[in-house]
């Protein structure tokens, strides 16, 4: 995907021309923010970088940018009308959150590293307690002791 294609996707998925609109400068910044290391771990400034994007993350930032443009809006009520401008902010943030969930980045852990992080073994291979035994014993002793002045 080229930068122009990334721009077009971000523009479409953020509904950039719908109020509140995103400017070309804001869209260009979102394209820049969407760049990621490639599969060879090259950063975007590396001349050998293969264009790699997190479009969903950039779209989430775009919706948050739109929300910030209406954040200072206030609700108005007259005798026969009520305008709840805060609804627009809340809705824009909901859409941003939806895209943020789609754009989550993760790291796959393999082998011993995954085993040690997900199931830490402090006191041996059969130990499931994630804290030092001494600390745990102190805590349980304290937690199970009577309060001062009680039997």
Protein backbone atom coordinates (compact mmCIF):
# COMPACT_ATOMS: atom_id res chain seq x y z
CA UNK A 1 0.00 0.00 0.00
CA UNK A 2 1.35 3.42 -0.91
CA UNK A 3 1.06 6.59 1.15
CA UNK A 4 -1.60 7.87 -1.26
CA UNK A 5 -3.62 4.68 -0.82
CA UNK A 6 -3.26 4.94 2.97
CA UNK A 7 -4.42 8.57 2.77
CA UNK A 8 -7.48 7.56 0.72
CA UNK A 9 -8.44 4.78 3.15
CA UNK A 10 -8.04 7.03 6.20
CA UNK A 11 -10.02 9.79 4.48
CA UNK A 12 -12.85 7.39 3.67
CA UNK A 13 -12.98 5.60 7.03
CA UNK A 14 -12.92 8.81 9.07
CA UNK A 15 -15.57 10.40 6.86
CA UNK A 16 -13.14 13.29 6.65
CA UNK A 17 -15.45 15.56 4.67
CA UNK A 18 -18.35 15.15 7.12
CA UNK A 19 -18.62 17.70 9.94
CA UNK A 20 -16.45 18.12 11.81
CA UNK A 21 -14.13 17.88 8.81
CA UNK A 22 -10.50 16.81 8.84
CA UNK A 23 -8.09 19.03 6.95
CA UNK A 24 -5.47 17.80 4.47
CA UNK A 25 -2.78 18.60 7.04
CA UNK A 26 -4.58 16.48 9.65
CA UNK A 27 -5.00 13.60 7.19
CA UNK A 28 -1.32 13.78 6.24
CA UNK A 29 -0.40 13.62 9.93
CA UNK A 30 -2.63 10.56 10.35
CA UNK A 31 -0.85 8.86 7.44
CA UNK A 32 2.48 9.61 9.11
CA UNK A 33 1.20 8.23 12.44
CA UNK A 34 -0.04 5.05 10.71
CA UNK A 35 3.46 4.02 9.59
CA UNK A 36 4.87 0.96 11.36
CA UNK A 37 8.03 -1.13 11.32
CA UNK A 38 7.99 -3.60 8.48
CA UNK A 39 8.35 -7.39 8.74
CA UNK A 40 12.15 -6.99 8.67
CA UNK A 41 11.93 -4.63 11.67
CA UNK A 42 12.90 -1.62 9.55
CA UNK A 43 11.59 1.76 10.68
CA UNK A 44 9.79 4.06 8.21
CA UNK A 45 12.84 6.34 7.91
CA UNK A 46 14.98 3.42 6.66
CA UNK A 47 15.46 3.57 2.88
CA UNK A 48 14.78 -0.19 2.68
CA UNK A 49 11.50 0.07 4.64
CA UNK A 50 8.59 -1.77 3.06
CA UNK A 51 5.50 0.41 3.52
CA UNK A 52 3.60 -1.00 6.48
CA UNK A 53 0.57 0.67 8.04
CA UNK A 54 -1.80 0.44 10.96
CA UNK A 55 -4.75 2.07 9.23
CA UNK A 56 -7.22 1.28 12.03
CA UNK A 57 -5.06 3.10 14.59
CA UNK A 58 -4.84 6.14 12.32
CA UNK A 59 -8.61 6.06 11.78
CA UNK A 60 -9.13 5.97 15.56
CA UNK A 61 -6.89 9.03 15.90
CA UNK A 62 -8.90 10.70 13.13
CA UNK A 63 -12.18 10.16 14.98
CA UNK A 64 -10.60 11.43 18.20
CA UNK A 65 -9.42 14.52 16.32
CA UNK A 66 -12.98 15.10 15.14
CA UNK A 67 -14.23 14.66 18.71
CA UNK A 68 -11.77 17.24 20.01
CA UNK A 69 -13.18 19.75 17.53
CA UNK A 70 -16.59 19.52 19.21
CA UNK A 71 -15.40 19.00 22.78
CA UNK A 72 -16.15 22.58 23.78
CA UNK A 73 -19.74 22.38 22.52
CA UNK A 74 -22.38 22.74 25.18
CA UNK A 75 -25.99 21.66 25.48
CA UNK A 76 -28.69 24.27 24.89
CA UNK A 77 -32.30 24.16 25.96
CA UNK A 78 -35.12 26.59 25.34
CA UNK A 79 -38.81 26.31 26.08
CA UNK A 80 -39.52 24.04 23.11
CA UNK A 81 -36.09 22.79 21.96
CA UNK A 82 -33.06 20.98 23.30
CA UNK A 83 -29.76 20.68 21.46
CA UNK A 84 -27.45 18.13 23.06
CA UNK A 85 -24.10 18.88 21.50
CA UNK A 86 -22.42 16.59 24.02
CA UNK A 87 -24.02 13.67 22.18
CA UNK A 88 -21.83 14.38 19.17
CA UNK A 89 -18.65 14.25 21.26
CA UNK A 90 -19.77 11.00 22.93
CA UNK A 91 -20.65 9.38 19.61
CA UNK A 92 -17.37 10.40 17.96
CA UNK A 93 -15.45 8.93 20.90
CA UNK A 94 -17.44 5.68 20.63
CA UNK A 95 -16.45 5.37 16.97
CA UNK A 96 -12.82 6.15 17.87
CA UNK A 97 -12.88 3.43 20.53
CA UNK A 98 -14.30 0.93 18.04
CA UNK A 99 -11.43 1.66 15.63
CA UNK A 100 -8.87 1.61 18.44
CA UNK A 101 -9.94 -1.94 19.29
CA UNK A 102 -9.47 -2.94 15.67
CA UNK A 103 -6.05 -1.33 15.51
CA UNK A 104 -4.57 -2.95 18.58
CA UNK A 105 -1.03 -4.09 18.13
CA UNK A 106 0.31 -7.15 19.84
CA UNK A 107 3.44 -9.18 20.21
CA UNK A 108 3.42 -12.95 19.91
CA UNK A 109 5.48 -14.63 22.61
CA UNK A 110 7.09 -17.98 21.90
CA UNK A 111 8.78 -20.75 23.85
CA UNK A 112 10.26 -20.18 27.30
CA UNK A 113 9.60 -16.43 27.15
CA UNK A 114 5.87 -16.96 26.76
CA UNK A 115 5.82 -19.61 29.47
CA UNK A 116 7.74 -17.43 31.94
CA UNK A 117 5.69 -14.30 31.33
CA UNK A 118 2.26 -15.90 31.24
CA UNK A 119 2.93 -18.40 34.03
CA UNK A 120 5.78 -17.05 36.15
CA UNK A 121 7.52 -19.50 38.40
CA UNK A 122 9.08 -17.78 41.40
CA UNK A 123 9.85 -20.71 43.66
CA UNK A 124 10.09 -23.61 41.24
CA UNK A 125 8.17 -25.23 38.39
CA UNK A 126 5.16 -26.15 40.55
CA UNK A 127 4.78 -22.70 42.11
CA UNK A 128 1.75 -20.81 40.80
CA UNK A 129 2.05 -17.87 43.18
CA UNK A 130 3.23 -14.81 41.21
CA UNK A 131 4.85 -13.10 44.20
CA UNK A 132 7.69 -13.93 46.50
CA UNK A 133 6.65 -16.55 49.06
CA UNK A 134 8.05 -14.48 51.92
CA UNK A 135 5.94 -11.47 50.98
CA UNK A 136 2.87 -13.67 50.49
CA UNK A 137 3.35 -15.30 53.90
CA UNK A 138 3.67 -11.85 55.51
CA UNK A 139 0.55 -10.62 53.78
CA UNK A 140 -1.54 -13.67 54.65
CA UNK A 141 -0.29 -13.52 58.23
CA UNK A 142 -1.29 -9.87 58.45
CA UNK A 143 -4.60 -10.39 56.66
CA UNK A 144 -5.59 -13.26 58.92
CA UNK A 145 -4.53 -11.65 62.20
CA UNK A 146 -7.16 -10.05 64.45
CA UNK A 147 -7.51 -6.30 64.49
CA UNK A 148 -5.97 -4.47 67.46
CA UNK A 149 -8.22 -4.78 70.51
CA UNK A 150 -10.05 -7.82 69.12
CA UNK A 151 -9.53 -11.44 70.24
